[in-house]
């Protein structure tokens, strides 16, 4: 058995390691590979599993239709 040690007087208690925050892209739109249903990141994060309404779990991120143009150097 492992004993837990309480902190000594004057010492700060040991905190468990915190998980890194999950990155959420607010405007990201994802599309199901099987049926083509589009959904947002917020809708996917609110569900207990990342799964489409058809039951498939593979999504691809939809790219914006605007093409970014830059000047050549």
Protein backbone atom coordinates (compact mmCIF):
# COMPACT_ATOMS: atom_id res chain seq x y z
CA UNK A 1 0.00 0.00 0.00
CA UNK A 2 1.14 3.47 -0.80
CA UNK A 3 0.84 6.03 1.93
CA UNK A 4 -0.11 9.58 1.14
CA UNK A 5 2.04 12.15 2.83
CA UNK A 6 0.47 15.34 4.08
CA UNK A 7 2.50 18.52 3.60
CA UNK A 8 4.60 19.72 6.48
CA UNK A 9 3.57 22.93 8.23
CA UNK A 10 4.69 25.90 6.13
CA UNK A 11 4.82 23.89 2.88
CA UNK A 12 2.36 24.24 0.02
CA UNK A 13 0.24 21.17 -0.79
CA UNK A 14 1.21 19.24 -3.90
CA UNK A 15 -1.32 19.81 -6.68
CA UNK A 16 -2.03 17.13 -9.31
CA UNK A 17 -0.75 17.80 -12.81
CA UNK A 18 -3.27 19.77 -14.85
CA UNK A 19 -4.21 18.65 -18.36
CA UNK A 20 -3.33 21.07 -21.19
CA UNK A 21 -6.30 23.07 -22.49
CA UNK A 22 -8.02 21.78 -25.61
CA UNK A 23 -7.79 24.08 -28.63
CA UNK A 24 -11.19 25.05 -29.97
CA UNK A 25 -11.49 26.84 -33.29
CA UNK A 26 -14.79 28.75 -33.09
CA UNK A 27 -15.46 29.06 -36.82
CA UNK A 28 -14.23 25.60 -37.86
CA UNK A 29 -16.66 23.55 -39.96
CA UNK A 30 -16.22 19.80 -40.34
CA UNK A 31 -17.77 17.45 -42.90
CA UNK A 32 -18.52 13.75 -42.50
CA UNK A 33 -16.57 11.69 -45.03
CA UNK A 34 -19.38 9.16 -45.48
CA UNK A 35 -22.59 11.23 -45.75
CA UNK A 36 -21.31 14.80 -46.22
CA UNK A 37 -23.14 16.31 -43.23
CA UNK A 38 -21.52 19.55 -42.09
CA UNK A 39 -21.20 20.43 -38.42
CA UNK A 40 -19.30 22.98 -36.34
CA UNK A 41 -16.66 22.44 -33.68
CA UNK A 42 -19.06 23.63 -30.98
CA UNK A 43 -21.64 21.00 -31.92
CA UNK A 44 -19.02 18.23 -31.90
CA UNK A 45 -17.59 19.28 -28.54
CA UNK A 46 -21.03 19.29 -26.91
CA UNK A 47 -21.55 15.58 -27.74
CA UNK A 48 -20.11 12.79 -25.57
CA UNK A 49 -18.49 11.19 -28.65
CA UNK A 50 -17.17 12.71 -31.86
CA UNK A 51 -19.56 10.93 -34.17
CA UNK A 52 -21.78 11.92 -37.11
CA UNK A 53 -25.54 11.35 -37.16
CA UNK A 54 -24.90 8.47 -39.58
CA UNK A 55 -22.57 6.81 -37.01
CA UNK A 56 -19.31 7.44 -38.85
CA UNK A 57 -16.38 8.91 -36.89
CA UNK A 58 -14.24 10.33 -39.69
CA UNK A 59 -14.49 14.06 -40.38
CA UNK A 60 -12.51 16.41 -42.56
CA UNK A 61 -12.08 20.11 -42.01
CA UNK A 62 -13.83 22.20 -44.68
CA UNK A 63 -11.58 24.82 -46.21
CA UNK A 64 -12.87 28.33 -46.85
CA UNK A 65 -13.84 29.12 -50.43
CA UNK A 66 -11.78 32.35 -50.46
CA UNK A 67 -8.31 31.96 -51.93
CA UNK A 68 -5.59 33.86 -50.12
CA UNK A 69 -3.36 35.80 -52.55
CA UNK A 70 0.04 37.16 -51.62
CA UNK A 71 2.61 39.16 -53.59
CA UNK A 72 5.67 37.36 -54.86
CA UNK A 73 8.97 38.67 -53.52
